[in-house]
All heavy atoms as atom14 arrays in JSON, in Angstrom:
{
  "sequence": "ELEEKRLDVLYSYLQLDTARDAAFELLAEAAAEICQVP",
  "atom14_mask": [
    [1, 1, 1, 1, 1, 1, 1, 1, 1, 0, 0, 0, 0, 0],
    [1, 1, 1, 1, 1, 1, 1, 1, 0, 0, 0, 0, 0, 0],
    [1, 1, 1, 1, 1, 1, 1, 1, 1, 0, 0, 0, 0, 0],
    [1, 1, 1, 1, 1, 1, 1, 1, 1, 0, 0, 0, 0, 0],
    [1, 1, 1, 1, 1, 1, 1, 1, 1, 0, 0, 0, 0, 0],
    [1, 1, 1, 1, 1, 1, 1, 1, 1, 1, 1, 0, 0, 0],
    [1, 1, 1, 1, 1, 1, 1, 1, 0, 0, 0, 0, 0, 0],
    [1, 1, 1, 1, 1, 1, 1, 1, 0, 0, 0, 0, 0, 0],
    [1, 1, 1, 1, 1, 1, 1, 0, 0, 0, 0, 0, 0, 0],
    [1, 1, 1, 1, 1, 1, 1, 1, 0, 0, 0, 0, 0, 0],
    [1, 1, 1, 1, 1, 1, 1, 1, 1, 1, 1, 1, 0, 0],
    [1, 1, 1, 1, 1, 1, 0, 0, 0, 0, 0, 0, 0, 0],
    [1, 1, 1, 1, 1, 1, 1, 1, 1, 1, 1, 1, 0, 0],
    [1, 1, 1, 1, 1, 1, 1, 1, 0, 0, 0, 0, 0, 0],
    [1, 1, 1, 1, 1, 1, 1, 1, 1, 0, 0, 0, 0, 0],
    [1, 1, 1, 1, 1, 1, 1, 1, 0, 0, 0, 0, 0, 0],
    [1, 1, 1, 1, 1, 1, 1, 1, 0, 0, 0, 0, 0, 0],
    [1, 1, 1, 1, 1, 1, 1, 0, 0, 0, 0, 0, 0, 0],
    [1, 1, 1, 1, 1, 0, 0, 0, 0, 0, 0, 0, 0, 0],
    [1, 1, 1, 1, 1, 1, 1, 1, 1, 1, 1, 0, 0, 0],
    [1, 1, 1, 1, 1, 1, 1, 1, 0, 0, 0, 0, 0, 0],
    [1, 1, 1, 1, 1, 0, 0, 0, 0, 0, 0, 0, 0, 0],
    [1, 1, 1, 1, 1, 0, 0, 0, 0, 0, 0, 0, 0, 0],
    [1, 1, 1, 1, 1, 1, 1, 1, 1, 1, 1, 0, 0, 0],
    [1, 1, 1, 1, 1, 1, 1, 1, 1, 0, 0, 0, 0, 0],
    [1, 1, 1, 1, 1, 1, 1, 1, 0, 0, 0, 0, 0, 0],
    [1, 1, 1, 1, 1, 1, 1, 1, 0, 0, 0, 0, 0, 0],
    [1, 1, 1, 1, 1, 0, 0, 0, 0, 0, 0, 0, 0, 0],
    [1, 1, 1, 1, 1, 1, 1, 1, 1, 0, 0, 0, 0, 0],
    [1, 1, 1, 1, 1, 0, 0, 0, 0, 0, 0, 0, 0, 0],
    [1, 1, 1, 1, 1, 0, 0, 0, 0, 0, 0, 0, 0, 0],
    [1, 1, 1, 1, 1, 0, 0, 0, 0, 0, 0, 0, 0, 0],
    [1, 1, 1, 1, 1, 1, 1, 1, 1, 0, 0, 0, 0, 0],
    [1, 1, 1, 1, 1, 1, 1, 1, 0, 0, 0, 0, 0, 0],
    [1, 1, 1, 1, 1, 1, 0, 0, 0, 0, 0, 0, 0, 0],
    [1, 1, 1, 1, 1, 1, 1, 1, 1, 0, 0, 0, 0, 0],
    [1, 1, 1, 1, 1, 1, 1, 0, 0, 0, 0, 0, 0, 0],
    [1, 1, 1, 1, 1, 1, 1, 0, 0, 0, 0, 0, 0, 0]
  ],
  "atom14_positions": [
    [[-64.39, 31.89, -148.91], [-63.37, 32.86, -148.53], [-62.73, 32.52, -147.19], [-61.55, 32.82, -146.96], [-63.95, 34.28, -148.49], [-65.12, 34.49, -147.53], [-66.47, 34.23, -148.18], [-66.51, 33.55, -149.24], [-67.47, 34.72, -147.63], [0.0, 0.0, 0.0], [0.0, 0.0, 0.0], [0.0, 0.0, 0.0], [0.0, 0.0, 0.0], [0.0, 0.0, 0.0]],
    [[-63.47, 31.85, -146.27], [-62.9, 31.44, -145.0], [-61.89, 30.31, -145.21], [-60.85, 30.28, -144.56], [-64.0, 31.0, -144.03], [-63.54, 30.64, -142.62], [-62.82, 31.82, -141.97], [-64.73, 30.22, -141.75], [0.0, 0.0, 0.0], [0.0, 0.0, 0.0], [0.0, 0.0, 0.0], [0.0, 0.0, 0.0], [0.0, 0.0, 0.0], [0.0, 0.0, 0.0]],
    [[-62.21, 29.39, -146.11], [-61.28, 28.32, -146.43], [-60.02, 28.89, -147.05], [-58.9, 28.43, -146.75], [-61.94, 27.31, -147.38], [-61.0, 26.26, -147.96], [-60.4, 25.3, -146.94], [-60.64, 25.47, -145.72], [-59.68, 24.38, -147.35], [0.0, 0.0, 0.0], [0.0, 0.0, 0.0], [0.0, 0.0, 0.0], [0.0, 0.0, 0.0], [0.0, 0.0, 0.0]],
    [[-60.14, 29.9, -147.88], [-58.95, 30.52, -148.47], [-58.09, 31.17, -147.39], [-56.86, 31.1, -147.44], [-59.35, 31.54, -149.53], [-59.97, 30.95, -150.78], [-59.06, 29.93, -151.45], [-57.84, 30.21, -151.57], [-59.55, 28.86, -151.84], [0.0, 0.0, 0.0], [0.0, 0.0, 0.0], [0.0, 0.0, 0.0], [0.0, 0.0, 0.0], [0.0, 0.0, 0.0]],
    [[-58.73, 31.79, -146.41], [-57.97, 32.39, -145.31], [-57.27, 31.31, -144.51], [-56.12, 31.48, -144.09], [-58.91, 33.21, -144.41], [-59.42, 34.49, -145.05], [-60.33, 35.25, -144.09], [-60.87, 36.52, -144.75], [-61.8, 37.26, -143.84], [0.0, 0.0, 0.0], [0.0, 0.0, 0.0], [0.0, 0.0, 0.0], [0.0, 0.0, 0.0], [0.0, 0.0, 0.0]],
    [[-57.99, 30.19, -144.28], [-57.38, 29.08, -143.54], [-56.14, 28.56, -144.26], [-55.1, 28.3, -143.66], [-58.4, 27.94, -143.37], [-57.93, 26.8, -142.46], [-58.82, 25.58, -142.56], [-58.59, 24.89, -143.84], [-57.59, 24.03, -144.05], [-56.73, 23.76, -143.08], [-57.45, 23.44, -145.21], [0.0, 0.0, 0.0], [0.0, 0.0, 0.0], [0.0, 0.0, 0.0]],
    [[-56.25, 28.42, -145.58], [-55.12, 27.95, -146.37], [-53.97, 28.95, -146.35], [-52.8, 28.57, -146.28], [-55.55, 27.66, -147.81], [-56.47, 26.44, -147.98], [-57.04, 26.41, -149.4], [-55.72, 25.15, -147.68], [0.0, 0.0, 0.0], [0.0, 0.0, 0.0], [0.0, 0.0, 0.0], [0.0, 0.0, 0.0], [0.0, 0.0, 0.0], [0.0, 0.0, 0.0]],
    [[-54.3, 30.23, -146.4], [-53.26, 31.25, -146.32], [-52.49, 31.14, -145.01], [-51.26, 31.26, -144.98], [-53.86, 32.65, -146.45], [-54.31, 32.98, -147.87], [-53.88, 32.28, -148.8], [-55.11, 33.92, -148.03], [0.0, 0.0, 0.0], [0.0, 0.0, 0.0], [0.0, 0.0, 0.0], [0.0, 0.0, 0.0], [0.0, 0.0, 0.0], [0.0, 0.0, 0.0]],
    [[-53.23, 30.92, -143.93], [-52.59, 30.76, -142.63], [-51.71, 29.51, -142.62], [-50.57, 29.53, -142.15], [-53.65, 30.7, -141.51], [-52.99, 30.32, -140.18], [-54.37, 32.02, -141.38], [0.0, 0.0, 0.0], [0.0, 0.0, 0.0], [0.0, 0.0, 0.0], [0.0, 0.0, 0.0], [0.0, 0.0, 0.0], [0.0, 0.0, 0.0], [0.0, 0.0, 0.0]],
    [[-52.23, 28.41, -143.14], [-51.46, 27.17, -143.22], [-50.16, 27.39, -143.98], [-49.07, 27.01, -143.53], [-52.29, 26.09, -143.9], [-51.55, 24.8, -144.29], [-51.01, 24.09, -143.06], [-52.46, 23.89, -145.09], [0.0, 0.0, 0.0], [0.0, 0.0, 0.0], [0.0, 0.0, 0.0], [0.0, 0.0, 0.0], [0.0, 0.0, 0.0], [0.0, 0.0, 0.0]],
    [[-50.26, 28.02, -145.14], [-49.08, 28.22, -145.98], [-48.07, 29.16, -145.33], [-46.87, 29.07, -145.59], [-49.48, 28.76, -147.35], [-50.4, 27.84, -148.14], [-51.31, 28.35, -149.06], [-50.38, 26.46, -147.94], [-52.16, 27.53, -149.78], [-51.23, 25.62, -148.65], [-52.12, 26.15, -149.57], [-52.96, 25.32, -150.27], [0.0, 0.0, 0.0], [0.0, 0.0, 0.0]],
    [[-48.57, 30.06, -144.5], [-47.67, 31.04, -143.87], [-46.67, 30.37, -142.93], [-45.59, 30.92, -142.67], [-48.47, 32.1, -143.11], [-49.05, 31.56, -141.93], [0.0, 0.0, 0.0], [0.0, 0.0, 0.0], [0.0, 0.0, 0.0], [0.0, 0.0, 0.0], [0.0, 0.0, 0.0], [0.0, 0.0, 0.0], [0.0, 0.0, 0.0], [0.0, 0.0, 0.0]],
    [[-47.0, 29.19, -142.44], [-46.1, 28.48, -141.53], [-44.98, 27.75, -142.27], [-44.0, 27.32, -141.65], [-46.89, 27.49, -140.67], [-47.73, 28.16, -139.61], [-49.11, 28.2, -139.71], [-47.15, 28.76, -138.49], [-49.9, 28.82, -138.75], [-47.91, 29.38, -137.52], [-49.29, 29.4, -137.66], [-50.05, 30.02, -136.7], [0.0, 0.0, 0.0], [0.0, 0.0, 0.0]],
    [[-45.12, 27.56, -143.59], [-44.08, 26.94, -144.43], [-43.66, 25.57, -143.9], [-42.47, 25.24, -143.85], [-42.87, 27.87, -144.51], [-43.11, 29.25, -145.11], [-41.87, 30.12, -144.99], [-43.54, 29.13, -146.56], [0.0, 0.0, 0.0], [0.0, 0.0, 0.0], [0.0, 0.0, 0.0], [0.0, 0.0, 0.0], [0.0, 0.0, 0.0], [0.0, 0.0, 0.0]],
    [[-44.64, 24.77, -143.51], [-44.34, 23.44, -142.97], [-44.7, 22.3, -143.92], [-44.27, 21.17, -143.71], [-45.07, 23.24, -141.64], [-44.49, 24.04, -140.49], [-43.06, 23.66, -140.19], [-42.75, 22.5, -139.93], [-42.16, 24.64, -140.24], [0.0, 0.0, 0.0], [0.0, 0.0, 0.0], [0.0, 0.0, 0.0], [0.0, 0.0, 0.0], [0.0, 0.0, 0.0]],
    [[-45.47, 22.58, -144.94], [-45.81, 21.53, -145.9], [-44.56, 21.08, -146.64], [-43.72, 21.9, -147.03], [-46.86, 22.04, -146.89], [-48.28, 22.21, -146.36], [-49.12, 23.0, -147.35], [-48.93, 20.87, -146.07], [0.0, 0.0, 0.0], [0.0, 0.0, 0.0], [0.0, 0.0, 0.0], [0.0, 0.0, 0.0], [0.0, 0.0, 0.0], [0.0, 0.0, 0.0]],
    [[-44.44, 19.77, -146.83], [-43.34, 19.19, -147.63], [-41.96, 19.52, -147.07], [-41.0, 19.63, -147.82], [-43.45, 19.66, -149.08], [-44.79, 19.3, -149.71], [-45.16, 18.12, -149.66], [-45.46, 20.2, -150.23], [0.0, 0.0, 0.0], [0.0, 0.0, 0.0], [0.0, 0.0, 0.0], [0.0, 0.0, 0.0], [0.0, 0.0, 0.0], [0.0, 0.0, 0.0]],
    [[-41.88, 19.65, -145.75], [-40.58, 19.88, -145.12], [-39.93, 18.56, -144.75], [-40.57, 17.5, -144.76], [-40.74, 20.76, -143.87], [-41.77, 20.19, -143.04], [-41.12, 22.17, -144.25], [0.0, 0.0, 0.0], [0.0, 0.0, 0.0], [0.0, 0.0, 0.0], [0.0, 0.0, 0.0], [0.0, 0.0, 0.0], [0.0, 0.0, 0.0], [0.0, 0.0, 0.0]],
    [[-38.66, 18.62, -144.4], [-37.93, 17.41, -144.02], [-38.44, 16.87, -142.69], [-39.14, 17.56, -141.94], [-36.44, 17.73, -143.93], [0.0, 0.0, 0.0], [0.0, 0.0, 0.0], [0.0, 0.0, 0.0], [0.0, 0.0, 0.0], [0.0, 0.0, 0.0], [0.0, 0.0, 0.0], [0.0, 0.0, 0.0], [0.0, 0.0, 0.0], [0.0, 0.0, 0.0]],
    [[-38.07, 15.64, -142.4], [-38.46, 15.03, -141.13], [-37.93, 15.86, -139.98], [-36.86, 16.43, -140.04], [-37.91, 13.61, -141.03], [-38.58, 12.62, -141.97], [-38.12, 11.21, -141.66], [-38.44, 10.83, -140.28], [-38.11, 9.66, -139.74], [-37.43, 8.77, -140.45], [-38.43, 9.37, -138.5], [0.0, 0.0, 0.0], [0.0, 0.0, 0.0], [0.0, 0.0, 0.0]],
    [[-38.71, 15.91, -138.92], [-38.37, 16.72, -137.75], [-38.57, 15.84, -136.52], [-39.68, 15.39, -136.22], [-39.27, 17.95, -137.69], [-38.86, 18.95, -136.62], [-38.47, 18.51, -135.52], [-38.93, 20.16, -136.88], [0.0, 0.0, 0.0], [0.0, 0.0, 0.0], [0.0, 0.0, 0.0], [0.0, 0.0, 0.0], [0.0, 0.0, 0.0], [0.0, 0.0, 0.0]],
    [[-37.48, 15.58, -135.8], [-37.53, 14.66, -134.66], [-38.51, 15.1, -133.58], [-39.11, 14.26, -132.91], [-36.13, 14.5, -134.07], [0.0, 0.0, 0.0], [0.0, 0.0, 0.0], [0.0, 0.0, 0.0], [0.0, 0.0, 0.0], [0.0, 0.0, 0.0], [0.0, 0.0, 0.0], [0.0, 0.0, 0.0], [0.0, 0.0, 0.0], [0.0, 0.0, 0.0]],
    [[-38.68, 16.41, -133.41], [-39.59, 16.9, -132.38], [-41.04, 16.53, -132.69], [-41.8, 16.13, -131.79], [-39.45, 18.41, -132.23], [0.0, 0.0, 0.0], [0.0, 0.0, 0.0], [0.0, 0.0, 0.0], [0.0, 0.0, 0.0], [0.0, 0.0, 0.0], [0.0, 0.0, 0.0], [0.0, 0.0, 0.0], [0.0, 0.0, 0.0], [0.0, 0.0, 0.0]],
    [[-41.44, 16.62, -133.95], [-42.79, 16.21, -134.34], [-42.94, 14.69, -134.25], [-43.99, 14.19, -133.86], [-43.11, 16.7, -135.75], [-43.38, 18.17, -135.85], [-42.38, 19.05, -136.24], [-44.63, 18.69, -135.54], [-42.62, 20.41, -136.33], [-44.88, 20.05, -135.63], [-43.87, 20.92, -136.02], [0.0, 0.0, 0.0], [0.0, 0.0, 0.0], [0.0, 0.0, 0.0]],
    [[-41.89, 13.98, -134.62], [-41.92, 12.51, -134.51], [-42.13, 12.08, -133.06], [-42.88, 11.14, -132.78], [-40.61, 11.92, -135.05], [-40.34, 12.18, -136.51], [-41.16, 11.3, -137.43], [-41.79, 10.35, -136.95], [-41.18, 11.58, -138.65], [0.0, 0.0, 0.0], [0.0, 0.0, 0.0], [0.0, 0.0, 0.0], [0.0, 0.0, 0.0], [0.0, 0.0, 0.0]],
    [[-41.5, 12.8, -132.14], [-41.64, 12.47, -130.73], [-43.06, 12.68, -130.24], [-43.6, 11.88, -129.45], [-40.66, 13.32, -129.9], [-40.61, 13.01, -128.4], [-40.19, 11.56, -128.16], [-39.64, 13.97, -127.7], [0.0, 0.0, 0.0], [0.0, 0.0, 0.0], [0.0, 0.0, 0.0], [0.0, 0.0, 0.0], [0.0, 0.0, 0.0], [0.0, 0.0, 0.0]],
    [[-43.71, 13.74, -130.72], [-45.11, 13.98, -130.34], [-46.01, 12.85, -130.84], [-46.92, 12.4, -130.14], [-45.57, 15.33, -130.88], [-45.04, 16.57, -130.16], [-45.43, 17.82, -130.93], [-45.56, 16.63, -128.73], [0.0, 0.0, 0.0], [0.0, 0.0, 0.0], [0.0, 0.0, 0.0], [0.0, 0.0, 0.0], [0.0, 0.0, 0.0], [0.0, 0.0, 0.0]],
    [[-45.76, 12.4, -132.08], [-46.55, 11.29, -132.62], [-46.31, 10.02, -131.81], [-47.25, 9.26, -131.53], [-46.2, 11.08, -134.09], [0.0, 0.0, 0.0], [0.0, 0.0, 0.0], [0.0, 0.0, 0.0], [0.0, 0.0, 0.0], [0.0, 0.0, 0.0], [0.0, 0.0, 0.0], [0.0, 0.0, 0.0], [0.0, 0.0, 0.0], [0.0, 0.0, 0.0]],
    [[-45.06, 9.78, -131.44], [-44.74, 8.59, -130.63], [-45.43, 8.66, -129.28], [-45.96, 7.64, -128.78], [-43.23, 8.49, -130.45], [-42.47, 8.14, -131.72], [-40.97, 8.2, -131.54], [-40.53, 8.33, -130.37], [-40.24, 8.13, -132.54], [0.0, 0.0, 0.0], [0.0, 0.0, 0.0], [0.0, 0.0, 0.0], [0.0, 0.0, 0.0], [0.0, 0.0, 0.0]],
    [[-45.45, 9.85, -128.68], [-46.11, 10.0, -127.38], [-47.61, 9.73, -127.51], [-48.21, 9.06, -126.65], [-45.86, 11.4, -126.83], [0.0, 0.0, 0.0], [0.0, 0.0, 0.0], [0.0, 0.0, 0.0], [0.0, 0.0, 0.0], [0.0, 0.0, 0.0], [0.0, 0.0, 0.0], [0.0, 0.0, 0.0], [0.0, 0.0, 0.0], [0.0, 0.0, 0.0]],
    [[-48.22, 10.23, -128.57], [-49.65, 10.01, -128.78], [-49.95, 8.53, -128.96], [-50.92, 8.01, -128.39], [-50.12, 10.79, -130.01], [0.0, 0.0, 0.0], [0.0, 0.0, 0.0], [0.0, 0.0, 0.0], [0.0, 0.0, 0.0], [0.0, 0.0, 0.0], [0.0, 0.0, 0.0], [0.0, 0.0, 0.0], [0.0, 0.0, 0.0], [0.0, 0.0, 0.0]],
    [[-49.12, 7.82, -129.73], [-49.34, 6.39, -129.94], [-49.18, 5.61, -128.65], [-49.95, 4.69, -128.36], [-48.36, 5.87, -131.0], [0.0, 0.0, 0.0], [0.0, 0.0, 0.0], [0.0, 0.0, 0.0], [0.0, 0.0, 0.0], [0.0, 0.0, 0.0], [0.0, 0.0, 0.0], [0.0, 0.0, 0.0], [0.0, 0.0, 0.0], [0.0, 0.0, 0.0]],
    [[-48.19, 6.0, -127.85], [-47.93, 5.29, -126.6], [-49.06, 5.51, -125.6], [-49.54, 4.57, -124.96], [-46.61, 5.79, -126.02], [-46.22, 5.16, -124.69], [-45.85, 3.69, -124.82], [-45.47, 3.26, -125.94], [-45.97, 2.97, -123.8], [0.0, 0.0, 0.0], [0.0, 0.0, 0.0], [0.0, 0.0, 0.0], [0.0, 0.0, 0.0], [0.0, 0.0, 0.0]],
    [[-49.5, 6.76, -125.45], [-50.54, 7.07, -124.48], [-51.87, 6.44, -124.86], [-52.62, 5.95, -124.01], [-50.68, 8.6, -124.35], [-49.44, 9.16, -123.66], [-51.95, 8.99, -123.61], [-49.3, 10.66, -123.73], [0.0, 0.0, 0.0], [0.0, 0.0, 0.0], [0.0, 0.0, 0.0], [0.0, 0.0, 0.0], [0.0, 0.0, 0.0], [0.0, 0.0, 0.0]],
    [[-52.17, 6.43, -126.15], [-53.45, 5.9, -126.61], [-53.39, 4.4, -126.93], [-54.41, 3.8, -127.29], [-53.92, 6.67, -127.84], [-54.26, 8.42, -127.5], [0.0, 0.0, 0.0], [0.0, 0.0, 0.0], [0.0, 0.0, 0.0], [0.0, 0.0, 0.0], [0.0, 0.0, 0.0], [0.0, 0.0, 0.0], [0.0, 0.0, 0.0], [0.0, 0.0, 0.0]],
    [[-52.19, 3.83, -126.83], [-52.0, 2.4, -127.07], [-52.52, 1.97, -128.43], [-53.36, 1.08, -128.55], [-52.68, 1.59, -125.95], [-52.04, 1.78, -124.58], [-50.61, 1.23, -124.51], [-50.41, 0.03, -124.59], [-49.64, 2.14, -124.39], [0.0, 0.0, 0.0], [0.0, 0.0, 0.0], [0.0, 0.0, 0.0], [0.0, 0.0, 0.0], [0.0, 0.0, 0.0]],
    [[-52.01, 2.64, -129.45], [-52.43, 2.35, -130.83], [-51.19, 2.18, -131.71], [-50.1, 2.66, -131.38], [-53.3, 3.5, -131.39], [-54.62, 3.61, -130.63], [-52.54, 4.83, -131.34], [0.0, 0.0, 0.0], [0.0, 0.0, 0.0], [0.0, 0.0, 0.0], [0.0, 0.0, 0.0], [0.0, 0.0, 0.0], [0.0, 0.0, 0.0], [0.0, 0.0, 0.0]],
    [[-51.32, 1.49, -132.84], [-50.18, 1.3, -133.74], [-49.91, 2.49, -134.66], [-48.85, 2.55, -135.28], [-50.58, 0.08, -134.56], [-52.08, 0.13, -134.59], [-52.49, 0.68, -133.26], [0.0, 0.0, 0.0], [0.0, 0.0, 0.0], [0.0, 0.0, 0.0], [0.0, 0.0, 0.0], [0.0, 0.0, 0.0], [0.0, 0.0, 0.0], [0.0, 0.0, 0.0]]
  ]
}
């Protein structure tokens, strides 16, 4: 039941299967740069 609640919360944000978002891409780029990983 806790996993179901977690999934409900996840779905409430309506972010799954959305289009590319430059702001999220920038966060990923920053993480790769800071951690020096590909």
